Each structure stands twice: as structure tokens, then as C-alpha cells.
PDB file of N, CA and C in Angstrom:
ATOM      1  N   MET A   1       0.758  -1.313   0.037  1.00  0.00           N
ATOM      2  CA  MET A   1      -0.075  -0.025   0.041  1.00  0.00           C
ATOM      3  C   MET A   1       0.849   1.285   0.135  1.00  0.00           C
ATOM      4  N   GLY A   2       0.452   2.190  -0.738  1.00  0.00           N
ATOM      5  CA  GLY A   2       1.041   3.402  -0.614  1.00  0.00           C
ATOM      6  C   GLY A   2       0.271   4.792  -0.825  1.00  0.00           C
ATOM      7  N   THR A   3       0.812   5.750  -1.100  1.00  0.00           N
ATOM      8  CA  THR A   3       0.088   6.978  -1.207  1.00  0.00           C
ATOM      9  C   THR A   3       0.046   7.556  -2.798  1.00  0.00           C
ATOM     10  N   VAL A   4      -1.174   7.866  -3.171  1.00  0.00           N
ATOM     11  CA  VAL A   4      -1.277   8.119  -4.475  1.00  0.00           C
ATOM     12  C   VAL A   4      -1.524   9.654  -4.619  1.00  0.00           C
ATOM     13  N   THR A   5      -0.699  10.560  -5.253  1.00  0.00           N
ATOM     14  CA  THR A   5      -0.625  11.966  -5.336  1.00  0.00           C
ATOM     15  C   THR A   5      -1.534  12.475  -6.315  1.00  0.00           C
ATOM     16  N   LYS A   6      -1.613  13.722  -6.247  1.00  0.00           N
ATOM     17  CA  LYS A   6      -2.469  14.519  -7.339  1.00  0.00           C
ATOM     18  C   LYS A   6      -1.845  14.193  -8.723  1.00  0.00           C
ATOM     19  N   ARG A   7      -0.723  14.390  -8.705  1.00  0.00           N
ATOM     20  CA  ARG A   7       0.220  14.156 -10.128  1.00  0.00           C
ATOM     21  C   ARG A   7      -0.155  12.801 -10.709  1.00  0.00           C
ATOM     22  N   GLU A   8      -0.196  11.682  -9.728  1.00  0.00           N
ATOM     23  CA  GLU A   8      -0.531  10.348 -10.205  1.00  0.00           C
ATOM     24  C   GLU A   8      -1.868  10.036 -10.578  1.00  0.00           C
ATOM     25  N   LEU A   9      -2.632  10.803  -9.931  1.00  0.00           N
ATOM     26  CA  LEU A   9      -4.147  10.651 -10.210  1.00  0.00           C
ATOM     27  C   LEU A   9      -4.348  11.380 -11.722  1.00  0.00           C
ATOM     28  N   VAL A  10      -3.675  12.514 -11.932  1.00  0.00           N
ATOM     29  CA  VAL A  10      -3.687  13.127 -13.166  1.00  0.00           C
ATOM     30  C   VAL A  10      -3.347  12.559 -14.283  1.00  0.00           C
ATOM     31  N   ILE A  11      -2.127  11.569 -14.008  1.00  0.00           N
ATOM     32  CA  ILE A  11      -1.669  10.674 -15.147  1.00  0.00           C
ATOM     33  C   ILE A  11      -2.600   9.715 -15.504  1.00  0.00           C
ATOM     34  N   LYS A  12      -3.098   8.949 -14.433  1.00  0.00           N
ATOM     35  CA  LYS A  12      -4.047   7.825 -14.592  1.00  0.00           C
ATOM     36  C   LYS A  12      -5.260   8.257 -15.313  1.00  0.00           C
ATOM     37  N   VAL A  13      -5.910   9.366 -14.966  1.00  0.00           N
ATOM     38  CA  VAL A  13      -7.136   9.896 -15.728  1.00  0.00           C
ATOM     39  C   VAL A  13      -6.908  10.383 -17.058  1.00  0.00           C
ATOM     40  N   SER A  14      -5.487  10.898 -17.281  1.00  0.00           N
ATOM     41  CA  SER A  14      -5.306  11.391 -18.603  1.00  0.00           C
ATOM     42  C   SER A  14      -5.155  10.255 -19.440  1.00  0.00           C
ATOM     43  N   ASP A  15      -4.478   8.944 -18.812  1.00  0.00           N
ATOM     44  CA  ASP A  15      -4.328   7.719 -19.841  1.00  0.00           C
ATOM     45  C   ASP A  15      -5.657   7.221 -20.060  1.00  0.00           C
ATOM     46  N   LYS A  16      -6.652   7.288 -19.339  1.00  0.00           N
ATOM     47  CA  LYS A  16      -7.958   6.713 -19.593  1.00  0.00           C
ATOM     48  C   LYS A  16      -8.792   7.515 -20.395  1.00  0.00           C
ATOM     49  N   THR A  17      -8.642   8.891 -20.258  1.00  0.00           N
ATOM     50  CA  THR A  17      -9.526   9.692 -21.109  1.00  0.00           C
ATOM     51  C   THR A  17      -8.882  10.175 -22.452  1.00  0.00           C
ATOM     52  N   LYS A  18      -7.566  10.038 -22.538  1.00  0.00           N
ATOM     53  CA  LYS A  18      -6.840  10.528 -23.615  1.00  0.00           C
ATOM     54  C   LYS A  18      -6.980  12.032 -23.886  1.00  0.00           C
ATOM     55  N   MET A  19      -7.189  12.638 -22.682  1.00  0.00           N
ATOM     56  CA  MET A  19      -7.072  14.270 -22.478  1.00  0.00           C
ATOM     57  C   MET A  19      -5.614  14.561 -22.087  1.00  0.00           C
ATOM     58  N   THR A  20      -5.052  15.672 -22.356  1.00  0.00           N
ATOM     59  CA  THR A  20      -3.783  15.951 -22.155  1.00  0.00           C
ATOM     60  C   THR A  20      -3.603  15.997 -20.290  1.00  0.00           C
ATOM     61  N   GLN A  21      -2.425  15.848 -19.985  1.00  0.00           N
ATOM     62  CA  GLN A  21      -2.236  15.906 -18.564  1.00  0.00           C
ATOM     63  C   GLN A  21      -2.700  17.394 -17.959  1.00  0.00           C
ATOM     64  N   GLN A  22      -2.385  18.361 -18.822  1.00  0.00           N
ATOM     65  CA  GLN A  22      -2.785  19.733 -18.457  1.00  0.00           C
ATOM     66  C   GLN A  22      -4.135  19.911 -18.271  1.00  0.00           C
ATOM     67  N   GLN A  23      -4.816  19.264 -19.078  1.00  0.00           N
ATOM     68  CA  GLN A  23      -6.358  19.458 -19.271  1.00  0.00           C
ATOM     69  C   GLN A  23      -7.002  18.740 -17.906  1.00  0.00           C
ATOM     70  N   VAL A  24      -6.533  17.623 -17.734  1.00  0.00           N
ATOM     71  CA  VAL A  24      -6.896  16.882 -16.512  1.00  0.00           C
ATOM     72  C   VAL A  24      -6.541  17.595 -15.182  1.00  0.00           C
ATOM     73  N   PHE A  25      -5.245  18.068 -15.317  1.00  0.00           N
ATOM     74  CA  PHE A  25      -4.925  18.939 -13.911  1.00  0.00           C
ATOM     75  C   PHE A  25      -5.837  20.078 -13.777  1.00  0.00           C
ATOM     76  N   ASP A  26      -6.053  20.893 -14.802  1.00  0.00           N
ATOM     77  CA  ASP A  26      -6.870  22.008 -14.688  1.00  0.00           C
ATOM     78  C   ASP A  26      -8.396  21.582 -14.048  1.00  0.00           C
ATOM     79  N   VAL A  27      -8.917  20.397 -14.585  1.00  0.00           N
ATOM     80  CA  VAL A  27     -10.268  20.005 -14.423  1.00  0.00           C
ATOM     81  C   VAL A  27     -10.049  19.794 -12.786  1.00  0.00           C
ATOM     82  N   VAL A  28      -9.069  18.947 -12.187  1.00  0.00           N
ATOM     83  CA  VAL A  28      -8.856  18.294 -10.786  1.00  0.00           C
ATOM     84  C   VAL A  28      -8.711  19.540 -10.072  1.00  0.00           C
ATOM     85  N   GLN A  29      -7.835  20.357 -10.426  1.00  0.00           N
ATOM     86  CA  GLN A  29      -7.598  21.515  -9.592  1.00  0.00           C
ATOM     87  C   GLN A  29      -8.993  22.449  -9.357  1.00  0.00           C
ATOM     88  N   SER A  30      -9.679  22.566 -10.408  1.00  0.00           N
ATOM     89  CA  SER A  30     -10.809  23.357 -10.369  1.00  0.00           C
ATOM     90  C   SER A  30     -12.072  22.690  -9.372  1.00  0.00           C
ATOM     91  N   PHE A  31     -11.849  21.301  -9.522  1.00  0.00           N
ATOM     92  CA  PHE A  31     -12.755  20.514  -8.680  1.00  0.00           C
ATOM     93  C   PHE A  31     -12.535  20.666  -7.203  1.00  0.00           C
ATOM     94  N   ILE A  32     -11.053  20.502  -6.907  1.00  0.00           N
ATOM     95  CA  ILE A  32     -10.691  20.739  -5.712  1.00  0.00           C
ATOM     96  C   ILE A  32     -11.003  22.173  -5.083  1.00  0.00           C
ATOM     97  N   ASP A  33     -10.706  23.131  -5.877  1.00  0.00           N
ATOM     98  CA  ASP A  33     -10.932  24.606  -5.508  1.00  0.00           C
ATOM     99  C   ASP A  33     -12.520  24.710  -5.156  1.00  0.00           C
ATOM    100  N   GLU A  34     -13.237  24.182  -6.058  1.00  0.00           N
ATOM    101  CA  GLU A  34     -14.970  24.486  -5.923  1.00  0.00           C
ATOM    102  C   GLU A  34     -15.218  23.575  -4.452  1.00  0.00           C
ATOM    103  N   ILE A  35     -14.806  22.658  -4.310  1.00  0.00           N
ATOM    104  CA  ILE A  35     -15.165  21.767  -2.985  1.00  0.00           C
ATOM    105  C   ILE A  35     -14.662  22.725  -1.891  1.00  0.00           C
ATOM    106  N   THR A  36     -13.474  23.109  -1.779  1.00  0.00           N
ATOM    107  CA  THR A  36     -12.790  23.931  -0.767  1.00  0.00           C
ATOM    108  C   THR A  36     -13.611  25.328  -0.666  1.00  0.00           C
ATOM    109  N   ASP A  37     -14.060  25.814  -1.847  1.00  0.00           N
ATOM    110  CA  ASP A  37     -14.712  27.318  -1.612  1.00  0.00           C
ATOM    111  C   ASP A  37     -16.046  26.900  -0.867  1.00  0.00           C
ATOM    112  N   THR A  38     -16.719  25.797  -1.418  1.00  0.00           N
ATOM    113  CA  THR A  38     -18.110  25.634  -0.998  1.00  0.00           C
ATOM    114  C   THR A  38     -17.981  25.309   0.475  1.00  0.00           C
ATOM    115  N   LEU A  39     -17.106  24.569   0.836  1.00  0.00           N
ATOM    116  CA  LEU A  39     -16.922  24.219   2.499  1.00  0.00           C
ATOM    117  C   LEU A  39     -16.683  25.692   3.163  1.00  0.00           C
ATOM    118  N   ALA A  40     -15.873  26.481   2.595  1.00  0.00           N
ATOM    119  CA  ALA A  40     -15.497  27.555   3.157  1.00  0.00           C
ATOM    120  C   ALA A  40     -16.791  28.499   3.496  1.00  0.00           C
ATOM    121  N   GLU A  41     -17.624  28.464   2.753  1.00  0.00           N
ATOM    122  CA  GLU A  41     -18.932  29.135   2.638  1.00  0.00           C
ATOM    123  C   GLU A  41     -19.825  28.489   3.730  1.00  0.00           C
ATOM    124  N   GLY A  42     -19.446  27.302   4.294  1.00  0.00           N
ATOM    125  CA  GLY A  42     -20.468  26.759   5.189  1.00  0.00           C
ATOM    126  C   GLY A  42     -21.374  25.908   4.709  1.00  0.00           C
ATOM    127  N   ASP A  43     -21.331  25.297   3.469  1.00  0.00           N
ATOM    128  CA  ASP A  43     -22.105  24.398   2.821  1.00  0.00           C
ATOM    129  C   ASP A  43     -21.425  23.002   2.879  1.00  0.00           C
ATOM    130  N   ASP A  44     -22.349  22.055   2.891  1.00  0.00           N
ATOM    131  CA  ASP A  44     -21.755  20.619   2.757  1.00  0.00           C
ATOM    132  C   ASP A  44     -21.448  20.365   1.277  1.00  0.00           C
ATOM    133  N   VAL A  45     -20.600  19.253   0.958  1.00  0.00           N
ATOM    134  CA  VAL A  45     -20.581  18.845  -0.350  1.00  0.00           C
ATOM    135  C   VAL A  45     -20.816  17.367  -0.452  1.00  0.00           C
ATOM    136  N   VAL A  46     -21.955  16.925  -1.282  1.00  0.00           N
ATOM    137  CA  VAL A  46     -22.248  15.495  -1.334  1.00  0.00           C
ATOM    138  C   VAL A  46     -21.983  15.100  -2.704  1.00  0.00           C
ATOM    139  N   LEU A  47     -21.210  13.805  -2.938  1.00  0.00           N
ATOM    140  CA  LEU A  47     -20.979  13.304  -4.181  1.00  0.00           C
ATOM    141  C   LEU A  47     -21.646  11.967  -4.013  1.00  0.00           C
ATOM    142  N   ARG A  48     -22.682  11.575  -4.989  1.00  0.00           N
ATOM    143  CA  ARG A  48     -23.441  10.420  -4.669  1.00  0.00           C
ATOM    144  C   ARG A  48     -22.474   9.102  -4.877  1.00  0.00           C
ATOM    145  N   ASN A  49     -22.600   8.118  -4.203  1.00  0.00           N
ATOM    146  CA  ASN A  49     -21.840   6.777  -4.475  1.00  0.00           C
ATOM    147  C   ASN A  49     -20.248   7.078  -4.221  1.00  0.00           C
ATOM    148  N   PHE A  50     -19.935   8.238  -3.602  1.00  0.00           N
ATOM    149  CA  PHE A  50     -18.709   8.546  -3.409  1.00  0.00           C
ATOM    150  C   PHE A  50     -18.450   8.768  -1.682  1.00  0.00           C
ATOM    151  N   GLY A  51     -19.194   9.970  -1.311  1.00  0.00           N
ATOM    152  CA  GLY A  51     -19.278  10.293   0.054  1.00  0.00           C
ATOM    153  C   GLY A  51     -19.537  11.818   0.087  1.00  0.00           C
ATOM    154  N   SER A  52     -19.400  12.261   1.400  1.00  0.00           N
ATOM    155  CA  SER A  52     -19.953  13.679   1.589  1.00  0.00           C
ATOM    156  C   SER A  52     -18.968  14.370   2.567  1.00  0.00           C
ATOM    157  N   PHE A  53     -18.570  15.514   2.407  1.00  0.00           N
ATOM    158  CA  PHE A  53     -17.880  16.299   3.176  1.00  0.00           C
ATOM    159  C   PHE A  53     -18.580  17.391   4.163  1.00  0.00           C
ATOM    160  N   HIS A  54     -18.429  17.235   5.370  1.00  0.00           N
ATOM    161  CA  HIS A  54     -19.195  18.220   6.188  1.00  0.00           C
ATOM    162  C   HIS A  54     -18.475  18.964   7.010  1.00  0.00           C
ATOM    163  N   LEU A  55     -18.946  20.140   7.439  1.00  0.00           N
ATOM    164  CA  LEU A  55     -18.286  21.055   8.418  1.00  0.00           C
ATOM    165  C   LEU A  55     -18.746  20.556   9.716  1.00  0.00           C
ATOM    166  N   THR A  56     -17.698  20.714  10.787  1.00  0.00           N
ATOM    167  CA  THR A  56     -18.137  20.367  12.122  1.00  0.00           C
ATOM    168  C   THR A  56     -17.344  21.562  12.960  1.00  0.00           C
ATOM    169  N   VAL A  57     -17.873  21.985  13.942  1.00  0.00           N
ATOM    170  CA  VAL A  57     -17.303  23.103  14.782  1.00  0.00           C
ATOM    171  C   VAL A  57     -16.915  22.250  15.968  1.00  0.00           C
ATOM    172  N   THR A  58     -15.706  22.317  16.519  1.00  0.00           N
ATOM    173  CA  THR A  58     -15.276  21.754  17.691  1.00  0.00           C
ATOM    174  C   THR A  58     -15.568  22.650  18.960  1.00  0.00           C
ATOM    175  N   LYS A  59     -15.614  22.222  20.125  1.00  0.00           N
ATOM    176  CA  LYS A  59     -15.828  22.913  21.246  1.00  0.00           C
ATOM    177  C   LYS A  59     -14.376  23.542  21.819  1.00  0.00           C
ATOM    178  N   PRO A  60     -14.373  24.474  22.293  1.00  0.00           N
ATOM    179  CA  PRO A  60     -13.307  25.113  22.924  1.00  0.00           C
ATOM    180  C   PRO A  60     -12.901  24.300  23.926  1.00  0.00           C
ATOM    181  N   LYS A  61     -11.584  24.327  24.346  1.00  0.00           N
ATOM    182  CA  LYS A  61     -11.238  23.301  25.498  1.00  0.00           C
ATOM    183  C   LYS A  61      -9.744  23.891  25.883  1.00  0.00           C
ATOM    184  N   ILE A  62      -9.552  23.289  27.222  1.00  0.00           N
ATOM    185  CA  ILE A  62      -8.323  23.769  27.776  1.00  0.00           C
ATOM    186  C   ILE A  62      -7.394  22.732  27.562  1.00  0.00           C
ATOM    187  N   GLY A  63      -6.048  22.816  26.908  1.00  0.00           N
ATOM    188  CA  GLY A  63      -4.986  22.065  26.578  1.00  0.00           C
ATOM    189  C   GLY A  63      -3.806  22.213  27.520  1.00  0.00           C
ATOM    190  N   ARG A  64      -2.875  21.275  27.549  1.00  0.00           N
ATOM    191  CA  ARG A  64      -1.566  21.558  28.167  1.00  0.00           C
ATOM    192  C   ARG A  64      -0.435  21.613  27.381  1.00  0.00           C
ATOM    193  N   ASN A  65       0.583  22.629  27.664  1.00  0.00           N
ATOM    194  CA  ASN A  65       1.751  22.730  26.960  1.00  0.00           C
ATOM    195  C   ASN A  65       2.868  21.673  27.574  1.00  0.00           C
ATOM    196  N   PRO A  66       3.129  20.856  26.667  1.00  0.00           N
ATOM    197  CA  PRO A  66       4.111  19.746  27.221  1.00  0.00           C
ATOM    198  C   PRO A  66       5.248  20.335  27.773  1.00  0.00           C
ATOM    199  N   LYS A  67       5.990  21.366  27.461  1.00  0.00           N
ATOM    200  CA  LYS A  67       7.036  21.972  28.187  1.00  0.00           C
ATOM    201  C   LYS A  67       6.724  22.754  29.586  1.00  0.00           C
ATOM    202  N   ARG A  68       5.412  23.103  29.632  1.00  0.00           N
ATOM    203  CA  ARG A  68       5.037  23.707  30.902  1.00  0.00           C
ATOM    204  C   ARG A  68       3.732  23.246  31.193  1.00  0.00           C
ATOM    205  N   PRO A  69       3.497  22.014  31.657  1.00  0.00           N
ATOM    206  CA  PRO A  69       2.300  21.497  31.934  1.00  0.00           C
ATOM    207  C   PRO A  69       1.583  22.256  33.295  1.00  0.00           C
ATOM    208  N   GLU A  70       2.118  22.957  33.831  1.00  0.00           N
ATOM    209  CA  GLU A  70       1.183  23.581  34.776  1.00  0.00           C
ATOM    210  C   GLU A  70       0.549  24.743  34.494  1.00  0.00           C
ATOM    211  N   THR A  71       0.781  25.250  33.175  1.00  0.00           N
ATOM    212  CA  THR A  71       0.167  26.291  32.489  1.00  0.00           C
ATOM    213  C   THR A  71      -1.151  25.830  31.444  1.00  0.00           C
ATOM    214  N   PRO A  72      -2.232  26.008  31.639  1.00  0.00           N
ATOM    215  CA  PRO A  72      -3.278  25.694  30.916  1.00  0.00           C
ATOM    216  C   PRO A  72      -3.163  26.524  29.665  1.00  0.00           C
ATOM    217  N   VAL A  73      -3.602  25.830  28.439  1.00  0.00           N
ATOM    218  CA  VAL A  73      -3.697  26.554  27.173  1.00  0.00           C
ATOM    219  C   VAL A  73      -4.949  26.491  26.663  1.00  0.00           C
ATOM    220  N   GLU A  74      -5.847  27.651  26.358  1.00  0.00           N
ATOM    221  CA  GLU A  74      -7.118  27.589  25.735  1.00  0.00           C
ATOM    222  C   GLU A  74      -7.003  27.378  24.288  1.00  0.00           C
ATOM    223  N   ILE A  75      -7.800  26.090  23.827  1.00  0.00           N
ATOM    224  CA  ILE A  75      -7.768  25.992  22.612  1.00  0.00           C
ATOM    225  C   ILE A  75      -9.053  26.458  22.002  1.00  0.00           C
ATOM    226  N   PRO A  76      -9.100  27.291  21.153  1.00  0.00           N
ATOM    227  CA  PRO A  76     -10.526  28.006  20.843  1.00  0.00           C
ATOM    228  C   PRO A  76     -11.294  26.956  19.819  1.00  0.00           C
ATOM    229  N   ALA A  77     -12.524  27.186  19.812  1.00  0.00           N
ATOM    230  CA  ALA A  77     -13.393  26.529  18.834  1.00  0.00           C
ATOM    231  C   ALA A  77     -13.048  26.750  17.375  1.00  0.00           C
ATOM    232  N   ARG A  78     -13.193  25.663  16.465  1.00  0.00           N
ATOM    233  CA  ARG A  78     -12.735  25.914  15.118  1.00  0.00           C
ATOM    234  C   ARG A  78     -13.480  24.898  14.321  1.00  0.00           C
ATOM    235  N   SER A  79     -13.472  25.219  13.058  1.00  0.00           N
ATOM    236  CA  SER A  79     -14.391  24.431  12.138  1.00  0.00           C
ATOM    237  C   SER A  79     -13.301  23.332  11.420  1.00  0.00           C
ATOM    238  N   ILE A  80     -13.913  22.184  11.403  1.00  0.00           N
ATOM    239  CA  ILE A  80     -12.912  21.102  10.778  1.00  0.00           C
ATOM    240  C   ILE A  80     -13.913  20.326   9.761  1.00  0.00           C
ATOM    241  N   VAL A  81     -13.227  19.704   8.775  1.00  0.00           N
ATOM    242  CA  VAL A  81     -13.854  19.025   7.641  1.00  0.00           C
ATOM    243  C   VAL A  81     -13.897  17.525   7.948  1.00  0.00           C
ATOM    244  N   LYS A  82     -15.151  16.964   7.982  1.00  0.00           N
ATOM    245  CA  LYS A  82     -15.265  15.572   8.116  1.00  0.00           C
ATOM    246  C   LYS A  82     -15.538  14.794   6.726  1.00  0.00           C
ATOM    247  N   PHE A  83     -15.199  13.740   6.604  1.00  0.00           N
ATOM    248  CA  PHE A  83     -15.634  13.030   5.358  1.00  0.00           C
ATOM    249  C   PHE A  83     -16.333  11.737   5.632  1.00  0.00           C
ATOM    250  N   LYS A  84     -17.459  11.500   5.084  1.00  0.00           N
ATOM    251  CA  LYS A  84     -18.173  10.373   5.125  1.00  0.00           C
ATOM    252  C   LYS A  84     -18.308   9.441   3.860  1.00  0.00           C
ATOM    253  N   PRO A  85     -17.884   8.276   3.969  1.00  0.00           N
ATOM    254  CA  PRO A  85     -17.826   7.462   2.738  1.00  0.00           C
ATOM    255  C   PRO A  85     -19.139   7.177   2.380  1.00  0.00           C
ATOM    256  N   GLY A  86     -19.460   7.186   1.055  1.00  0.00           N
ATOM    257  CA  GLY A  86     -20.866   6.722   0.477  1.00  0.00           C
ATOM    258  C   GLY A  86     -20.868   5.254   0.673  1.00  0.00           C
ATOM    259  N   LYS A  87     -22.139   4.630   0.306  1.00  0.00           N
ATOM    260  CA  LYS A  87     -22.284   3.377   0.400  1.00  0.00           C
ATOM    261  C   LYS A  87     -21.308   2.389  -0.446  1.00  0.00           C
ATOM    262  N   GLU A  88     -21.277   2.880  -1.908  1.00  0.00           N
ATOM    263  CA  GLU A  88     -20.584   2.015  -2.857  1.00  0.00           C
ATOM    264  C   GLU A  88     -19.164   2.101  -2.387  1.00  0.00           C
ATOM    265  N   MET A  89     -18.630   3.124  -1.881  1.00  0.00           N
ATOM    266  CA  MET A  89     -17.247   3.273  -1.407  1.00  0.00           C
ATOM    267  C   MET A  89     -16.832   2.319  -0.321  1.00  0.00           C
ATOM    268  N   LYS A  90     -17.827   2.367   0.777  1.00  0.00           N
ATOM    269  CA  LYS A  90     -17.810   1.543   1.805  1.00  0.00           C
ATOM    270  C   LYS A  90     -17.692   0.107   1.517  1.00  0.00           C
ATOM    271  N   ASP A  91     -18.532  -0.370   0.458  1.00  0.00           N
ATOM    272  CA  ASP A  91     -18.823  -1.686   0.119  1.00  0.00           C
ATOM    273  C   ASP A  91     -17.549  -2.279  -0.681  1.00  0.00           C
ATOM    274  N   ARG A  92     -17.021  -1.263  -1.524  1.00  0.00           N
ATOM    275  CA  ARG A  92     -15.702  -1.797  -2.311  1.00  0.00           C
ATOM    276  C   ARG A  92     -14.615  -1.795  -1.211  1.00  0.00           C
ATOM    277  N   VAL A  93     -14.364  -1.170  -0.371  1.00  0.00           N
ATOM    278  CA  VAL A  93     -13.427  -0.976   0.514  1.00  0.00           C
ATOM    279  C   VAL A  93     -13.566  -2.546   1.611  1.00  0.00           C
ATOM    280  N   ALA A  94     -14.637  -2.632   2.031  1.00  0.00           N
ATOM    281  CA  ALA A  94     -14.991  -3.832   2.663  1.00  0.00           C
ATOM    282  C   ALA A  94     -14.799  -5.026   1.848  1.00  0.00           C
ATOM    283  N   ARG A  95     -15.189  -5.185   0.537  1.00  0.00           N
ATOM    284  CA  ARG A  95     -14.631  -6.391   0.102  1.00  0.00           C
ATOM    285  C   ARG A  95     -13.188  -6.601  -0.198  1.00  0.00           C
ATOM    286  N   ARG A  96     -12.433  -5.312  -0.300  1.00  0.00           N
ATOM    287  CA  ARG A  96     -10.970  -5.404  -0.310  1.00  0.00           C
ATOM    288  C   ARG A  96     -10.218  -6.060   1.011  1.00  0.00           C
ATOM    289  N   ASP A  97     -10.968  -5.645   2.117  1.00  0.00           N
ATOM    290  CA  ASP A  97     -10.375  -6.220   3.219  1.00  0.00           C
ATOM    291  C   ASP A  97     -10.796  -7.645   3.670  1.00  0.00           C
ATOM    292  N   ALA A  98     -11.779  -7.996   2.952  1.00  0.00           N
ATOM    293  CA  ALA A  98     -12.289  -9.365   3.000  1.00  0.00           C
ATOM    294  C   ALA A  98     -11.465 -10.319   2.292  1.00  0.00           C
ATOM    295  N   SER A  99     -10.618 -10.028   1.251  1.00  0.00           N
ATOM    296  CA  SER A  99      -9.833 -10.851   0.323  1.00  0.00           C
ATOM    297  C   SER A  99      -8.607 -11.223   1.046  1.00  0.00           C
TER     298      SER A  99
END
């Protein structure tokens, strides 16, 4: 198992679609930018059979500095992105684990 980079995805899609790598890169980058912009505006992104991206707000909490554990550090509330895989993705990944 390894990591697939954006560059490797672009090459794979380019090979399958016969589009140039630059065209595929532009589409992939636009897709990523659009998802990011939508989440930044506070909306969710749902891609049927793939999954959904949701914003969640964490609660503020008190943490500790490992170098000075006697001093509490306030960690403010913040927005984070959560991904929930779709049914088709979950099923395909589960079949891989069963092999």
C-alpha cells in the first residue's frame, strides 16, 4: 500500500480519457477549489456513491503545553472538515479487506 498523489491521479485519468495531462490537471484543480470554496462558505458537499464532506465545529477546550504542563492553554473552537464515505465506497473497501 502506498499514497497516490494528485500528479499520479492526473496521469491515470489522462491515460484513461486521452485528455492531455494539463487539461486533466486543470479539471482536478478546479474540482478541488470548488469543494474548498463551498466548504469555506459553510455548505456541505455530497457526491453520490462516493461520499460527503461536512463542516463540524469543535468545542473550545483547555489543553496543556508539554514543556510547561502547569500552565493551561485555551484551545478555541474551530471548524473542521469531516468526510463520510458513501455506500458504494464502503462496500468496495470492505470487499478489499475480506480478500
